[in-house]
């Protein structure tokens, strides 16, 4: 028998068909009475600071390997010191780092070459260690700042290490625990992400940090969705949607609806997709940074209904968003090829095709670029542009073969040997 969900107390009396309205978020007398009761002592999973599947012989060695030289040494030393401080009982921390401000450390700060924001954050951590306290919560904030900068620089081990430092520096706060869980999801560390997101849920229940609770449910849904556990993802998104309606959590509401729309499209549930798509325009305003990405899913729904002109209009709006990453741009342009072909607009089709190829060229001869080429080829074949489809499929096959990606090469070969329909021009 499956273990009960850690968040099974979310009631099912709220419909997940629509996002919450302002009125649905108003507290009732029942809510007030519930808040007046003493808080329940929710079980909180322990913090996981090491990857059980990849043990280290030296604590924090990945930081040194990732950033050699003075910068890596300073970050590694700070990491080890904060871990020692956090693992020491509070009554024994006084004087633990009384002599930490050595001449050697000052020299290390001067020659580290760290970018200014990261250097300030490391200095903040050292000051907190010297005074043996973190009464203002500056340690967690500083550690999260280092983690964010490291992630932007592609230093995954440093990012994860410092995000975890933030969580151990503020062990009762759900905010840094959620940051660790979300980072682990982005890095593809499923087991670590699961543990930290469950911990976030427990801490959020204890403290009433409902936004963190909603964020953890969304991240769990995304984790399930990424590995193909669609039923599990749906459960997490629905729980997040009910929580959002009950607690007026606008961002959790948006992400839950967007996630449920993706699942409906994946399962080809047109009725559910239309229901969730109707909500998208109300909850993702024109200024929302994620609107452009979400509109692509709505456009996919319109394409499946044969509403090519409507899909094209949505894709044009999506492409105008400054927040769309290159892979999102290629996806939108590939869908625009399908929309233009369905509408018989050959000029638009060729324009979208050229723009897609130009964007894919920025990837170089990579597996990611080859997969985007194959997706474009499939769109071309769908609208009977067989010659163009074959051309980009052969290019994708060439890249995949050169890279030794046999699975992708086989997909390309299978596409090239597909049955052909008569040309639209014939």
Protein backbone atom coordinates (compact mmCIF):
# COMPACT_ATOMS: atom_id res chain seq x y z
CA UNK A 1 0.00 0.00 0.00
CA UNK A 2 1.31 3.45 -0.90
CA UNK A 3 2.26 5.72 1.96
CA UNK A 4 -0.19 8.56 2.59
CA UNK A 5 0.71 11.90 1.09
CA UNK A 6 2.45 14.35 3.38
CA UNK A 7 -0.11 16.96 2.35
CA UNK A 8 -3.26 14.89 2.27
CA UNK A 9 -4.99 17.26 4.67
CA UNK A 10 -5.80 19.67 1.83
CA UNK A 11 -9.52 19.19 1.44
CA UNK A 12 -11.22 18.22 -1.81
CA UNK A 13 -14.22 20.52 -1.40
CA UNK A 14 -12.74 23.13 -3.75
CA UNK A 15 -13.19 22.63 -7.49
CA UNK A 16 -9.99 22.59 -9.50
CA UNK A 17 -11.73 23.57 -12.73
CA UNK A 18 -11.08 27.29 -12.34
CA UNK A 19 -8.53 29.49 -10.54
CA UNK A 20 -9.60 31.38 -7.47
CA UNK A 21 -11.29 34.74 -7.59
CA UNK A 22 -10.80 37.56 -5.13
CA UNK A 23 -13.96 36.55 -3.30
CA UNK A 24 -12.92 32.91 -2.98
CA UNK A 25 -9.81 33.99 -1.06
CA UNK A 26 -11.75 35.77 1.70
CA UNK A 27 -11.39 34.23 5.13
CA UNK A 28 -14.51 32.73 6.61
CA UNK A 29 -15.45 32.36 10.27
CA UNK A 30 -14.39 28.73 9.95
CA UNK A 31 -10.95 29.88 8.76
CA UNK A 32 -10.58 32.21 11.73
CA UNK A 33 -11.49 29.44 14.17
CA UNK A 34 -9.04 27.09 12.49
CA UNK A 35 -6.25 29.64 12.84
CA UNK A 36 -7.03 30.14 16.51
CA UNK A 37 -6.31 26.51 17.27
CA UNK A 38 -2.84 25.54 18.41
CA UNK A 39 -0.57 24.64 15.47
CA UNK A 40 -0.14 20.99 14.67
CA UNK A 41 3.37 19.61 15.09
CA UNK A 42 3.93 18.52 11.48
CA UNK A 43 6.67 15.98 10.78
CA UNK A 44 9.62 17.61 8.99
CA UNK A 45 12.02 15.41 7.00
CA UNK A 46 15.69 15.96 7.86
CA UNK A 47 17.91 18.17 5.73
CA UNK A 48 19.86 16.25 3.08
CA UNK A 49 23.28 17.88 2.67
CA UNK A 50 25.05 15.22 0.61
CA UNK A 51 24.19 13.40 -2.59
CA UNK A 52 23.86 9.74 -1.56
CA UNK A 53 24.50 8.62 -5.13
CA UNK A 54 27.78 10.53 -5.44
CA UNK A 55 29.72 10.60 -2.14
CA UNK A 56 32.62 12.98 -1.59
CA UNK A 57 35.95 11.96 -0.09
CA UNK A 58 36.47 15.56 1.07
CA UNK A 59 33.54 17.66 2.20
CA UNK A 60 32.84 20.32 -0.38
CA UNK A 61 35.44 19.01 -2.85
CA UNK A 62 33.12 19.72 -5.79
CA UNK A 63 33.33 23.43 -5.03
CA UNK A 64 37.12 23.26 -5.35
CA UNK A 65 36.90 21.26 -8.58
CA UNK A 66 34.34 23.63 -10.04
CA UNK A 67 36.17 26.87 -9.20
CA UNK A 68 39.92 26.33 -8.95
CA UNK A 69 42.25 28.97 -7.59
CA UNK A 70 41.70 31.59 -4.91
CA UNK A 71 37.97 31.99 -5.65
CA UNK A 72 37.30 28.30 -5.14
CA UNK A 73 39.45 28.17 -2.01
CA UNK A 74 37.61 31.11 -0.44
CA UNK A 75 34.17 29.70 -1.27
CA UNK A 76 35.15 26.24 -0.04
CA UNK A 77 36.59 27.57 3.23
CA UNK A 78 33.49 29.70 3.86
CA UNK A 79 31.27 26.71 3.07
CA UNK A 80 33.10 24.49 5.55
CA UNK A 81 33.07 27.18 8.26
CA UNK A 82 29.33 27.81 7.98
CA UNK A 83 28.62 24.07 8.08
CA UNK A 84 30.72 23.78 11.24
CA UNK A 85 28.91 26.76 12.80
CA UNK A 86 25.48 25.39 11.92
CA UNK A 87 26.34 21.95 13.28
CA UNK A 88 27.55 23.34 16.61
CA UNK A 89 25.02 23.75 19.45
CA UNK A 90 24.16 27.46 19.84
CA UNK A 91 25.53 27.61 23.38
CA UNK A 92 28.94 26.46 22.12
CA UNK A 93 29.24 28.81 19.14
CA UNK A 94 30.64 31.77 21.09
CA UNK A 95 34.29 32.17 20.25
CA UNK A 96 34.24 29.40 17.66
CA UNK A 97 35.52 31.81 14.99
CA UNK A 98 36.95 34.52 17.21
CA UNK A 99 40.25 34.56 15.29
CA UNK A 100 38.75 33.96 11.86
CA UNK A 101 39.83 37.38 10.52
CA UNK A 102 43.42 36.33 9.83
CA UNK A 103 45.94 38.02 7.55
CA UNK A 104 45.79 34.98 5.26
CA UNK A 105 42.02 35.28 4.94
CA UNK A 106 42.22 39.00 4.18
CA UNK A 107 44.70 38.28 1.41
CA UNK A 108 42.43 35.58 0.04
CA UNK A 109 39.57 38.09 -0.15
CA UNK A 110 41.79 40.51 -2.06
CA UNK A 111 43.00 38.05 -4.69
CA UNK A 112 39.88 35.88 -5.04
CA UNK A 113 38.59 37.62 -8.15
CA UNK A 114 34.98 36.93 -7.15
CA UNK A 115 32.36 39.26 -8.63
CA UNK A 116 31.43 42.09 -6.22
CA UNK A 117 28.01 40.76 -5.18
CA UNK A 118 29.37 37.33 -4.30
CA UNK A 119 32.32 38.84 -2.46
CA UNK A 120 29.99 41.00 -0.33
CA UNK A 121 27.88 37.95 0.49
CA UNK A 122 30.93 35.93 1.59
CA UNK A 123 32.07 38.84 3.77
CA UNK A 124 28.59 38.92 5.35
CA UNK A 125 28.88 35.22 6.19
CA UNK A 126 32.31 35.71 7.78
CA UNK A 127 31.09 38.65 9.87
CA UNK A 128 28.21 36.53 11.18
CA UNK A 129 30.63 33.73 12.06
CA UNK A 130 32.87 36.11 14.01
CA UNK A 131 29.99 37.43 16.07
CA UNK A 132 28.67 33.85 16.54
CA UNK A 133 25.08 34.80 15.78
CA UNK A 134 22.65 35.36 12.95
CA UNK A 135 19.93 37.31 14.67
CA UNK A 136 19.03 39.30 11.58
CA UNK A 137 18.90 36.34 9.20
CA UNK A 138 21.72 37.76 7.08
CA UNK A 139 23.50 34.42 6.76
CA UNK A 140 20.70 32.71 4.87
CA UNK A 141 20.22 35.72 2.57
CA UNK A 142 23.94 35.92 1.85
CA UNK A 143 24.23 32.20 1.12
CA UNK A 144 21.26 32.36 -1.26
CA UNK A 145 22.92 35.30 -3.03
CA UNK A 146 26.07 33.23 -3.61
CA UNK A 147 23.95 30.30 -4.80
CA UNK A 148 22.06 32.46 -7.32
CA UNK A 149 25.27 33.91 -8.75
CA UNK A 150 26.82 30.44 -9.00
CA UNK A 151 23.78 29.06 -10.83
CA UNK A 152 23.90 31.93 -13.33
CA UNK A 153 27.57 31.11 -13.93
CA UNK A 154 26.83 27.42 -14.46
CA UNK A 155 28.56 26.34 -11.24
CA UNK A 156 25.95 23.78 -10.17
CA UNK A 157 27.83 22.26 -7.21
CA UNK A 158 28.58 25.68 -5.72
CA UNK A 159 24.98 26.76 -6.23
CA UNK A 160 23.64 23.66 -4.50
CA UNK A 161 26.18 23.84 -1.69
CA UNK A 162 25.39 27.44 -0.81
CA UNK A 163 21.63 26.99 -1.15
CA UNK A 164 21.94 24.19 1.40
CA UNK A 165 24.06 26.47 3.60
CA UNK A 166 21.16 28.95 3.63
CA UNK A 167 18.82 26.17 4.74
CA UNK A 168 21.05 24.99 7.59
CA UNK A 169 21.69 28.58 8.70
CA UNK A 170 17.91 29.09 9.00
CA UNK A 171 16.74 25.55 9.83
CA UNK A 172 13.17 26.49 10.76
CA UNK A 173 12.50 28.65 7.71
CA UNK A 174 10.68 27.24 4.68
CA UNK A 175 12.11 29.87 2.32
CA UNK A 176 15.67 28.53 1.92
CA UNK A 177 14.42 24.93 2.01
CA UNK A 178 12.19 25.71 -0.97
CA UNK A 179 15.12 27.39 -2.74
CA UNK A 180 17.16 24.18 -2.39
CA UNK A 181 14.29 22.03 -3.64
CA UNK A 182 13.58 24.23 -6.67
CA UNK A 183 17.28 24.39 -7.55
CA UNK A 184 17.54 20.60 -7.33
CA UNK A 185 14.55 20.31 -9.70
CA UNK A 186 16.24 22.62 -12.21
CA UNK A 187 19.48 20.63 -11.96
CA UNK A 188 17.70 17.30 -12.40
CA UNK A 189 18.59 15.96 -8.94
CA UNK A 190 15.30 14.18 -8.34
CA UNK A 191 16.00 12.44 -5.02
CA UNK A 192 17.51 15.57 -3.46
CA UNK A 193 14.65 17.71 -4.76
CA UNK A 194 12.02 15.37 -3.34
CA UNK A 195 13.60 15.41 0.12
CA UNK A 196 13.94 19.19 0.30
CA UNK A 197 10.47 19.87 -1.07
CA UNK A 198 8.94 17.51 1.50
CA UNK A 199 10.94 19.34 4.17
CA UNK A 200 9.62 22.65 2.84
CA UNK A 201 6.05 21.40 3.19
CA UNK A 202 6.62 20.37 6.81
CA UNK A 203 8.29 23.67 7.73
CA UNK A 204 5.64 25.69 5.89
CA UNK A 205 2.84 23.94 7.76
CA UNK A 206 4.46 24.65 11.10
CA UNK A 207 4.99 28.34 10.37
CA UNK A 208 2.01 29.07 8.13
CA UNK A 209 4.30 29.97 5.20
CA UNK A 210 1.58 29.24 2.64
CA UNK A 211 3.40 30.71 -0.35
CA UNK A 212 6.30 28.33 0.29
CA UNK A 213 3.80 25.48 0.69
CA UNK A 214 2.26 26.32 -2.67
CA UNK A 215 5.69 26.70 -4.27
CA UNK A 216 6.73 23.26 -3.01
CA UNK A 217 3.59 21.64 -4.43
CA UNK A 218 4.22 23.28 -7.82
CA UNK A 219 7.85 22.16 -7.79
CA UNK A 220 6.81 18.60 -6.92
CA UNK A 221 4.35 18.67 -9.81
CA UNK A 222 7.04 19.90 -12.17
CA UNK A 223 9.39 17.17 -10.91
CA UNK A 224 6.78 14.48 -11.57
CA UNK A 225 5.97 15.97 -14.98
CA UNK A 226 9.63 16.03 -16.02
CA UNK A 227 10.13 12.32 -15.37
CA UNK A 228 6.83 11.35 -17.00
CA UNK A 229 4.83 10.61 -13.85
CA UNK A 230 1.80 12.41 -15.21
CA UNK A 231 -0.77 11.15 -12.71
CA UNK A 232 1.46 12.22 -9.82
CA UNK A 233 2.03 15.63 -11.42
CA UNK A 234 -1.72 16.14 -11.81
CA UNK A 235 -2.26 15.33 -8.13
CA UNK A 236 0.35 17.88 -7.00
CA UNK A 237 -0.97 20.61 -9.32
CA UNK A 238 -4.55 20.05 -8.16
CA UNK A 239 -3.49 20.26 -4.53
CA UNK A 240 -1.63 23.46 -5.31
CA UNK A 241 -4.71 24.87 -7.04
CA UNK A 242 -6.95 24.09 -4.07
CA UNK A 243 -4.43 25.57 -1.65
CA UNK A 244 -4.12 28.66 -3.85
CA UNK A 245 -7.88 29.21 -3.83
CA UNK A 246 -8.04 28.70 -0.07
CA UNK A 247 -5.09 30.99 0.75
CA UNK A 248 -5.22 33.50 -2.16
CA UNK A 249 -1.86 32.42 -3.55
CA UNK A 250 -1.81 34.09 -6.95
CA UNK A 251 1.47 32.68 -8.27
CA UNK A 252 0.72 29.12 -7.17
CA UNK A 253 -2.68 29.49 -8.83
CA UNK A 254 -1.08 30.56 -12.12
CA UNK A 255 1.51 27.79 -12.16
CA UNK A 256 -1.01 25.12 -11.18
CA UNK A 257 -3.36 26.05 -14.03
CA UNK A 258 -0.45 26.19 -16.49
CA UNK A 259 0.72 22.76 -15.33
CA UNK A 260 -2.73 21.25 -15.64
CA UNK A 261 -3.04 22.69 -19.15
CA UNK A 262 0.23 21.03 -20.16
CA UNK A 263 -0.97 17.70 -18.79
CA UNK A 264 -4.32 17.99 -20.59
CA UNK A 265 -2.46 18.62 -23.86
CA UNK A 266 -0.13 15.71 -23.21
CA UNK A 267 -3.06 13.39 -22.61
CA UNK A 268 -5.01 14.88 -25.53
CA UNK A 269 -7.87 15.78 -23.24
CA UNK A 270 -9.31 18.59 -25.34
CA UNK A 271 -12.16 19.39 -22.98
CA UNK A 272 -9.86 19.85 -19.99
CA UNK A 273 -7.36 21.80 -22.11
CA UNK A 274 -10.04 24.26 -23.18
CA UNK A 275 -11.22 24.67 -19.60
CA UNK A 276 -7.75 25.54 -18.31
CA UNK A 277 -6.89 27.64 -21.37
CA UNK A 278 -9.87 29.92 -20.68
CA UNK A 279 -8.30 30.78 -17.34
CA UNK A 280 -4.87 31.61 -18.75
CA UNK A 281 -5.82 35.03 -20.11
CA UNK A 282 -7.30 36.12 -16.77
CA UNK A 283 -4.45 34.97 -14.53
CA UNK A 284 -1.44 35.71 -16.76
CA UNK A 285 -1.73 39.42 -17.48
CA UNK A 286 0.10 41.06 -20.36
CA UNK A 287 2.95 42.12 -18.08
CA UNK A 288 3.50 38.73 -16.48
CA UNK A 289 7.00 37.40 -17.36
CA UNK A 290 5.69 33.87 -18.02
CA UNK A 291 2.81 34.88 -20.28
CA UNK A 292 4.77 34.32 -23.49
CA UNK A 293 5.64 30.73 -22.58
CA UNK A 294 2.14 29.85 -21.42
CA UNK A 295 0.56 31.27 -24.57
CA UNK A 296 2.43 28.63 -26.56
CA UNK A 297 0.44 25.93 -24.78
CA UNK A 298 -2.81 27.76 -25.54
CA UNK A 299 -1.70 28.05 -29.17
CA UNK A 300 -1.06 24.29 -29.25
CA UNK A 301 -4.64 23.73 -28.11
CA UNK A 302 -5.93 26.04 -30.86
CA UNK A 303 -3.85 24.22 -33.47
CA UNK A 304 -5.38 20.91 -32.47
CA UNK A 305 -8.82 22.42 -32.92
CA UNK A 306 -7.89 23.63 -36.41
CA UNK A 307 -8.03 27.31 -35.44
CA UNK A 308 -4.87 28.23 -37.33
CA UNK A 309 -5.37 32.00 -37.48
CA UNK A 310 -6.06 32.18 -33.75
CA UNK A 311 -2.97 30.04 -33.01
CA UNK A 312 -0.82 32.29 -35.22
CA UNK A 313 -2.00 35.41 -33.38
CA UNK A 314 -1.11 33.85 -30.01
CA UNK A 315 2.31 32.79 -31.29
CA UNK A 316 3.05 36.28 -32.61
CA UNK A 317 2.29 37.68 -29.17
CA UNK A 318 4.43 35.00 -27.53
CA UNK A 319 7.40 35.79 -29.75
CA UNK A 320 7.21 39.45 -28.77
CA UNK A 321 7.88 38.58 -25.13
CA UNK A 322 11.39 39.63 -24.02
CA UNK A 323 11.53 36.68 -21.60
CA UNK A 324 11.34 33.90 -24.20
CA UNK A 325 14.54 31.82 -24.27
CA UNK A 326 15.96 30.53 -27.59
CA UNK A 327 14.40 27.07 -27.20
CA UNK A 328 11.04 28.73 -26.55
CA UNK A 329 11.50 30.91 -29.63
CA UNK A 330 12.20 27.83 -31.77
CA UNK A 331 9.16 26.07 -30.34
CA UNK A 332 6.94 29.07 -31.12
CA UNK A 333 8.35 29.40 -34.65
CA UNK A 334 7.93 25.66 -35.28
CA UNK A 335 4.30 25.91 -34.21
CA UNK A 336 3.93 28.99 -36.40
CA UNK A 337 5.03 26.87 -39.37
CA UNK A 338 2.17 24.50 -38.59
CA UNK A 339 -0.30 27.35 -38.13
CA UNK A 340 0.73 29.10 -41.35
CA UNK A 341 0.62 25.84 -43.29
CA UNK A 342 -2.84 25.06 -41.99
CA UNK A 343 -4.03 28.55 -42.93
CA UNK A 344 -2.44 28.36 -46.38
CA UNK A 345 -0.21 31.37 -45.69
CA UNK A 346 2.96 30.31 -47.50
CA UNK A 347 4.73 33.64 -46.98
CA UNK A 348 4.32 33.40 -43.21
CA UNK A 349 5.36 29.74 -43.30
CA UNK A 350 8.65 30.52 -45.07
CA UNK A 351 9.36 33.46 -42.80
CA UNK A 352 8.84 31.35 -39.68
CA UNK A 353 10.95 28.55 -41.17
CA UNK A 354 13.89 30.87 -41.84
CA UNK A 355 13.72 32.44 -38.39
CA UNK A 356 13.61 29.01 -36.75
CA UNK A 357 16.72 27.87 -38.66
CA UNK A 358 18.57 31.07 -37.75
CA UNK A 359 17.81 30.55 -34.06
CA UNK A 360 18.76 26.86 -34.15
CA UNK A 361 22.10 27.79 -35.75
CA UNK A 362 23.05 29.53 -32.49
CA UNK A 363 23.07 26.11 -30.79
CA UNK A 364 25.82 24.80 -33.04
CA UNK A 365 26.21 21.07 -33.74
CA UNK A 366 24.71 19.92 -30.45
CA UNK A 367 22.12 17.31 -29.49
CA UNK A 368 19.81 20.10 -28.38
CA UNK A 369 20.12 21.77 -31.77
CA UNK A 370 19.58 18.47 -33.59
CA UNK A 371 16.38 17.78 -31.62
CA UNK A 372 15.07 21.23 -32.50
CA UNK A 373 15.84 20.57 -36.16
CA UNK A 374 13.95 17.26 -36.03
CA UNK A 375 10.95 18.98 -34.44
CA UNK A 376 11.03 21.58 -37.23
CA UNK A 377 11.25 18.81 -39.82
CA UNK A 378 8.17 17.12 -38.38
CA UNK A 379 6.27 20.41 -38.54
CA UNK A 380 7.30 20.79 -42.18
CA UNK A 381 6.10 17.30 -43.03
CA UNK A 382 2.79 18.01 -41.27
CA UNK A 383 2.11 20.88 -43.70
CA UNK A 384 3.48 18.88 -46.68
CA UNK A 385 6.73 20.82 -47.05
CA UNK A 386 8.49 17.52 -47.62
CA UNK A 387 11.66 18.79 -49.32
CA UNK A 388 12.43 21.33 -46.61
CA UNK A 389 11.55 18.78 -43.93
CA UNK A 390 13.97 16.23 -45.38
CA UNK A 391 16.74 18.82 -45.59
CA UNK A 392 16.69 19.76 -41.91
CA UNK A 393 16.15 16.12 -40.88
CA UNK A 394 19.33 15.12 -42.74
CA UNK A 395 21.18 17.93 -40.97
CA UNK A 396 19.85 16.71 -37.62
CA UNK A 397 20.92 13.14 -38.49
CA UNK A 398 24.40 14.38 -39.40
CA UNK A 399 24.79 16.22 -36.10
CA UNK A 400 23.46 13.31 -34.06
CA UNK A 401 25.76 10.82 -35.83
CA UNK A 402 28.82 13.03 -35.34
CA UNK A 403 27.97 13.42 -31.65
CA UNK A 404 27.45 9.68 -31.18
CA UNK A 405 23.82 10.15 -30.15
CA UNK A 406 22.54 6.87 -31.61
CA UNK A 407 19.02 7.24 -30.25
CA UNK A 408 18.51 10.64 -31.87
CA UNK A 409 20.16 9.46 -35.10
CA UNK A 410 17.68 6.57 -35.21
CA UNK A 411 14.76 8.98 -34.75
CA UNK A 412 16.02 11.08 -37.65
CA UNK A 413 16.47 7.99 -39.86
CA UNK A 414 12.96 6.80 -39.04
CA UNK A 415 11.58 10.21 -39.99
CA UNK A 416 13.45 10.20 -43.30
CA UNK A 417 12.02 6.78 -44.19
CA UNK A 418 8.42 7.80 -43.43
CA UNK A 419 5.59 7.24 -45.93
CA UNK A 420 5.10 10.30 -48.13
CA UNK A 421 1.92 12.09 -49.05
CA UNK A 422 1.55 13.87 -52.37
CA UNK A 423 3.13 17.32 -52.43
CA UNK A 424 0.81 20.27 -51.85
CA UNK A 425 2.16 21.78 -55.06
CA UNK A 426 1.48 18.58 -57.02
